[in-house]
Amino acid sequence: MFLVSYGWVGGFGEAVLDGATGGIRFFRDLPIFVDSDQVQKLVGGMLPESCTGSLRVLLSADVQLVRKTGRSPSIPGAPLQEYWGVRIDRLREVSVLEEG
């Protein structure tokens, strides 16, 4: 299970959040992100129509972490950065915790 900041735009995708602090989660000292397009395709149709804006969405899924290197497209001249990309193999459940 993991928490994403659905609707957050920029960086390397949807940030995987720490449920206690709301900050970005890290694994082996690297931040974790989920591809925004993948989240939109998998989660978009499962959310109630009343949900808008930036959401905190709890996903239960079978996933794999893939180590990646890239530049944040939202920051001009950003340095190369390593991060973990989440590949969702099977989505089990989606819950909206709150709207932003």
N, C-alpha and C. Protein backbone atom coordinates (compact mmCIF):
# COMPACT_ATOMS: atom_id res chain seq x y z
N MET A 1 0.84 -1.17 0.00
CA MET A 1 0.00 0.00 0.00
C MET A 1 0.89 1.24 0.00
N PHE A 2 0.49 2.25 -0.76
CA PHE A 2 1.26 3.49 -0.76
C PHE A 2 0.36 4.66 -1.07
N LEU A 3 0.79 5.84 -0.63
CA LEU A 3 0.03 7.07 -0.74
C LEU A 3 0.64 7.93 -1.83
N VAL A 4 -0.18 8.44 -2.74
CA VAL A 4 0.33 9.31 -3.80
C VAL A 4 -0.38 10.65 -3.75
N SER A 5 0.32 11.66 -4.26
CA SER A 5 -0.24 13.02 -4.31
C SER A 5 -0.88 13.22 -5.67
N TYR A 6 -1.98 12.54 -5.92
CA TYR A 6 -2.65 12.58 -7.21
C TYR A 6 -3.06 14.01 -7.54
N GLY A 7 -2.70 14.48 -8.74
CA GLY A 7 -3.04 15.84 -9.16
C GLY A 7 -1.87 16.79 -9.01
N TRP A 8 -0.78 16.35 -8.38
CA TRP A 8 0.42 17.16 -8.26
C TRP A 8 1.11 17.15 -9.61
N VAL A 9 1.50 18.31 -10.12
CA VAL A 9 2.07 18.40 -11.46
C VAL A 9 3.54 18.77 -11.37
N GLY A 10 4.38 18.08 -12.14
CA GLY A 10 5.79 18.43 -12.20
C GLY A 10 6.68 17.31 -11.72
N GLY A 11 7.97 17.54 -11.82
CA GLY A 11 8.94 16.56 -11.35
C GLY A 11 8.90 15.29 -12.16
N PHE A 12 9.01 14.18 -11.48
CA PHE A 12 9.11 12.88 -12.13
C PHE A 12 7.80 12.10 -12.11
N GLY A 13 6.72 12.72 -11.70
CA GLY A 13 5.43 12.05 -11.66
C GLY A 13 4.71 12.35 -10.37
N GLU A 14 3.85 11.43 -9.96
CA GLU A 14 3.12 11.58 -8.70
C GLU A 14 4.05 11.12 -7.57
N ALA A 15 4.24 11.97 -6.58
CA ALA A 15 5.11 11.64 -5.46
C ALA A 15 4.47 10.57 -4.59
N VAL A 16 5.26 9.58 -4.16
CA VAL A 16 4.80 8.61 -3.17
C VAL A 16 5.06 9.24 -1.81
N LEU A 17 4.02 9.34 -0.99
CA LEU A 17 4.10 10.08 0.27
C LEU A 17 4.19 9.17 1.48
N ASP A 18 4.81 9.69 2.53
CA ASP A 18 4.83 9.05 3.83
C ASP A 18 3.49 9.38 4.50
N GLY A 19 2.75 8.38 4.90
CA GLY A 19 1.43 8.60 5.48
C GLY A 19 1.45 9.41 6.76
N ALA A 20 2.54 9.33 7.54
CA ALA A 20 2.62 10.03 8.82
C ALA A 20 3.00 11.50 8.65
N THR A 21 3.94 11.78 7.75
CA THR A 21 4.45 13.15 7.64
C THR A 21 3.93 13.91 6.42
N GLY A 22 3.46 13.19 5.41
CA GLY A 22 3.01 13.82 4.17
C GLY A 22 4.16 14.17 3.24
N GLY A 23 5.41 13.90 3.66
CA GLY A 23 6.58 14.16 2.82
C GLY A 23 6.82 13.02 1.84
N ILE A 24 7.68 13.26 0.86
CA ILE A 24 7.99 12.23 -0.14
C ILE A 24 8.72 11.08 0.53
N ARG A 25 8.31 9.85 0.21
CA ARG A 25 8.98 8.66 0.73
C ARG A 25 10.26 8.39 -0.03
N PHE A 26 11.20 7.80 0.67
CA PHE A 26 12.48 7.42 0.11
C PHE A 26 12.69 5.93 0.31
N PHE A 27 13.43 5.31 -0.60
CA PHE A 27 13.87 3.93 -0.46
C PHE A 27 15.34 3.92 -0.81
N ARG A 28 16.16 3.42 0.09
CA ARG A 28 17.62 3.42 -0.11
C ARG A 28 18.11 4.81 -0.51
N ASP A 29 17.65 5.81 0.21
CA ASP A 29 18.07 7.21 0.06
C ASP A 29 17.68 7.88 -1.25
N LEU A 30 16.75 7.30 -2.01
CA LEU A 30 16.28 7.92 -3.25
C LEU A 30 14.76 8.12 -3.17
N PRO A 31 14.26 9.26 -3.69
CA PRO A 31 12.81 9.50 -3.66
C PRO A 31 12.06 8.54 -4.59
N ILE A 32 10.79 8.34 -4.30
CA ILE A 32 9.95 7.41 -5.07
C ILE A 32 8.83 8.19 -5.76
N PHE A 33 8.68 7.95 -7.07
CA PHE A 33 7.63 8.59 -7.86
C PHE A 33 6.90 7.55 -8.71
N VAL A 34 5.62 7.83 -8.98
CA VAL A 34 4.80 6.99 -9.86
C VAL A 34 4.52 7.80 -11.11
N ASP A 35 4.65 7.18 -12.28
CA ASP A 35 4.38 7.86 -13.54
C ASP A 35 2.97 8.42 -13.55
N SER A 36 2.85 9.73 -13.82
CA SER A 36 1.55 10.42 -13.79
C SER A 36 0.55 9.82 -14.76
N ASP A 37 1.01 9.45 -15.96
CA ASP A 37 0.10 8.88 -16.96
C ASP A 37 -0.44 7.53 -16.49
N GLN A 38 0.42 6.73 -15.85
CA GLN A 38 -0.02 5.43 -15.35
C GLN A 38 -1.06 5.61 -14.24
N VAL A 39 -0.82 6.57 -13.35
CA VAL A 39 -1.78 6.83 -12.28
C VAL A 39 -3.10 7.30 -12.87
N GLN A 40 -3.05 8.20 -13.84
CA GLN A 40 -4.28 8.71 -14.47
C GLN A 40 -5.09 7.56 -15.09
N LYS A 41 -4.42 6.68 -15.81
CA LYS A 41 -5.12 5.57 -16.47
C LYS A 41 -5.72 4.59 -15.46
N LEU A 42 -4.96 4.26 -14.42
CA LEU A 42 -5.42 3.26 -13.46
C LEU A 42 -6.41 3.81 -12.44
N VAL A 43 -6.16 5.03 -11.97
CA VAL A 43 -6.92 5.58 -10.87
C VAL A 43 -8.06 6.49 -11.33
N GLY A 44 -7.86 7.22 -12.42
CA GLY A 44 -8.83 8.21 -12.87
C GLY A 44 -10.25 7.70 -12.95
N GLY A 45 -10.46 6.54 -13.51
CA GLY A 45 -11.80 5.99 -13.65
C GLY A 45 -12.38 5.43 -12.37
N MET A 46 -11.55 5.30 -11.31
CA MET A 46 -12.01 4.71 -10.06
C MET A 46 -12.40 5.77 -9.02
N LEU A 47 -12.14 7.05 -9.32
CA LEU A 47 -12.43 8.11 -8.37
C LEU A 47 -13.85 8.63 -8.57
N PRO A 48 -14.50 9.02 -7.48
CA PRO A 48 -15.84 9.63 -7.63
C PRO A 48 -15.74 10.91 -8.45
N GLU A 49 -16.78 11.24 -9.21
CA GLU A 49 -16.78 12.43 -10.06
C GLU A 49 -16.63 13.71 -9.26
N SER A 50 -17.00 13.69 -7.99
CA SER A 50 -16.91 14.89 -7.15
C SER A 50 -15.48 15.23 -6.76
N CYS A 51 -14.52 14.33 -6.98
CA CYS A 51 -13.13 14.56 -6.61
C CYS A 51 -12.45 15.47 -7.63
N THR A 52 -11.91 16.58 -7.16
CA THR A 52 -11.19 17.50 -8.03
C THR A 52 -9.95 18.00 -7.32
N GLY A 53 -9.06 18.63 -8.07
CA GLY A 53 -7.87 19.23 -7.47
C GLY A 53 -6.83 18.19 -7.08
N SER A 54 -5.98 18.57 -6.16
CA SER A 54 -4.90 17.71 -5.70
C SER A 54 -5.43 16.80 -4.60
N LEU A 55 -5.28 15.52 -4.77
CA LEU A 55 -5.83 14.53 -3.84
C LEU A 55 -4.73 13.71 -3.19
N ARG A 56 -5.05 13.17 -2.03
CA ARG A 56 -4.18 12.17 -1.40
C ARG A 56 -4.92 10.84 -1.59
N VAL A 57 -4.31 9.97 -2.40
CA VAL A 57 -4.95 8.71 -2.77
C VAL A 57 -4.13 7.56 -2.24
N LEU A 58 -4.78 6.63 -1.54
CA LEU A 58 -4.12 5.44 -1.03
C LEU A 58 -4.35 4.31 -2.02
N LEU A 59 -3.25 3.72 -2.51
CA LEU A 59 -3.33 2.63 -3.48
C LEU A 59 -2.85 1.34 -2.83
N SER A 60 -3.56 0.28 -3.09
CA SER A 60 -3.10 -1.06 -2.72
C SER A 60 -2.81 -1.75 -4.04
N ALA A 61 -1.54 -2.15 -4.23
CA ALA A 61 -1.14 -2.69 -5.54
C ALA A 61 0.09 -3.56 -5.41
N ASP A 62 0.27 -4.41 -6.41
CA ASP A 62 1.52 -5.15 -6.57
C ASP A 62 2.40 -4.27 -7.43
N VAL A 63 3.59 -3.93 -6.95
CA VAL A 63 4.45 -2.99 -7.66
C VAL A 63 5.89 -3.49 -7.73
N GLN A 64 6.65 -2.86 -8.62
CA GLN A 64 8.10 -3.04 -8.70
C GLN A 64 8.73 -1.67 -8.72
N LEU A 65 9.86 -1.52 -8.03
CA LEU A 65 10.62 -0.28 -8.07
C LEU A 65 11.71 -0.41 -9.12
N VAL A 66 11.82 0.60 -9.98
CA VAL A 66 12.82 0.62 -11.04
C VAL A 66 13.69 1.85 -10.83
N ARG A 67 15.00 1.65 -10.68
CA ARG A 67 15.91 2.77 -10.46
C ARG A 67 16.07 3.55 -11.77
N LYS A 68 15.89 4.89 -11.69
CA LYS A 68 15.93 5.72 -12.89
C LYS A 68 16.83 6.94 -12.65
N THR A 69 17.24 7.57 -13.74
CA THR A 69 17.99 8.81 -13.70
C THR A 69 17.36 9.76 -14.70
N GLY A 70 17.16 11.01 -14.29
CA GLY A 70 16.56 11.97 -15.20
C GLY A 70 16.66 13.38 -14.64
N ARG A 71 16.19 14.32 -15.44
CA ARG A 71 16.12 15.73 -15.05
C ARG A 71 14.66 16.10 -14.87
N SER A 72 14.37 16.81 -13.81
CA SER A 72 13.00 17.25 -13.58
C SER A 72 12.58 18.19 -14.70
N PRO A 73 11.52 17.84 -15.44
CA PRO A 73 11.07 18.71 -16.54
C PRO A 73 10.44 20.02 -16.04
N SER A 74 10.13 20.08 -14.76
CA SER A 74 9.49 21.29 -14.23
C SER A 74 10.50 22.34 -13.74
N ILE A 75 11.81 22.00 -13.76
CA ILE A 75 12.84 22.93 -13.30
C ILE A 75 13.85 23.15 -14.42
N PRO A 76 13.86 24.32 -15.05
CA PRO A 76 14.83 24.58 -16.12
C PRO A 76 16.27 24.43 -15.61
N GLY A 77 17.09 23.71 -16.37
CA GLY A 77 18.49 23.50 -16.01
C GLY A 77 18.70 22.58 -14.83
N ALA A 78 17.71 21.77 -14.49
CA ALA A 78 17.82 20.86 -13.34
C ALA A 78 18.94 19.85 -13.56
N PRO A 79 19.65 19.49 -12.50
CA PRO A 79 20.70 18.48 -12.62
C PRO A 79 20.11 17.08 -12.78
N LEU A 80 20.93 16.15 -13.26
CA LEU A 80 20.50 14.76 -13.30
C LEU A 80 20.26 14.29 -11.87
N GLN A 81 19.21 13.52 -11.69
CA GLN A 81 18.85 13.04 -10.36
C GLN A 81 18.45 11.58 -10.45
N GLU A 82 18.85 10.79 -9.47
CA GLU A 82 18.42 9.40 -9.40
C GLU A 82 17.16 9.33 -8.54
N TYR A 83 16.26 8.42 -8.90
CA TYR A 83 15.03 8.22 -8.15
C TYR A 83 14.49 6.83 -8.46
N TRP A 84 13.50 6.42 -7.70
CA TRP A 84 12.83 5.15 -7.96
C TRP A 84 11.51 5.45 -8.68
N GLY A 85 11.28 4.73 -9.76
CA GLY A 85 10.01 4.78 -10.45
C GLY A 85 9.20 3.56 -10.07
N VAL A 86 7.92 3.77 -9.75
CA VAL A 86 7.05 2.66 -9.39
C VAL A 86 6.37 2.14 -10.65
N ARG A 87 6.48 0.86 -10.87
CA ARG A 87 5.71 0.22 -11.94
C ARG A 87 4.60 -0.58 -11.28
N ILE A 88 3.36 -0.22 -11.55
CA ILE A 88 2.21 -0.90 -10.95
C ILE A 88 1.87 -2.10 -11.82
N ASP A 89 2.05 -3.29 -11.25
CA ASP A 89 1.75 -4.51 -11.98
C ASP A 89 0.27 -4.90 -11.86
N ARG A 90 -0.29 -4.68 -10.67
CA ARG A 90 -1.71 -5.03 -10.45
C ARG A 90 -2.28 -4.11 -9.38
N LEU A 91 -3.29 -3.37 -9.75
CA LEU A 91 -3.96 -2.47 -8.81
C LEU A 91 -5.05 -3.24 -8.08
N ARG A 92 -5.04 -3.16 -6.77
CA ARG A 92 -6.02 -3.90 -5.96
C ARG A 92 -7.15 -3.01 -5.46
N GLU A 93 -6.79 -1.82 -4.93
CA GLU A 93 -7.81 -0.96 -4.34
C GLU A 93 -7.35 0.50 -4.37
N VAL A 94 -8.32 1.42 -4.46
CA VAL A 94 -8.04 2.85 -4.46
C VAL A 94 -8.97 3.53 -3.46
N SER A 95 -8.39 4.37 -2.59
CA SER A 95 -9.17 5.13 -1.62
C SER A 95 -8.73 6.58 -1.62
N VAL A 96 -9.68 7.52 -1.65
CA VAL A 96 -9.37 8.94 -1.55
C VAL A 96 -9.40 9.31 -0.07
N LEU A 97 -8.27 9.85 0.43
CA LEU A 97 -8.19 10.22 1.83
C LEU A 97 -8.67 11.63 2.08
N GLU A 98 -8.32 12.55 1.18
CA GLU A 98 -8.74 13.95 1.33
C GLU A 98 -8.52 14.69 0.03
N GLU A 99 -9.21 15.78 -0.12
CA GLU A 99 -9.01 16.65 -1.27
C GLU A 99 -8.20 17.86 -0.84
N GLY A 100 -7.33 18.36 -1.76
CA GLY A 100 -6.51 19.51 -1.44
C GLY A 100 -7.07 20.78 -1.99
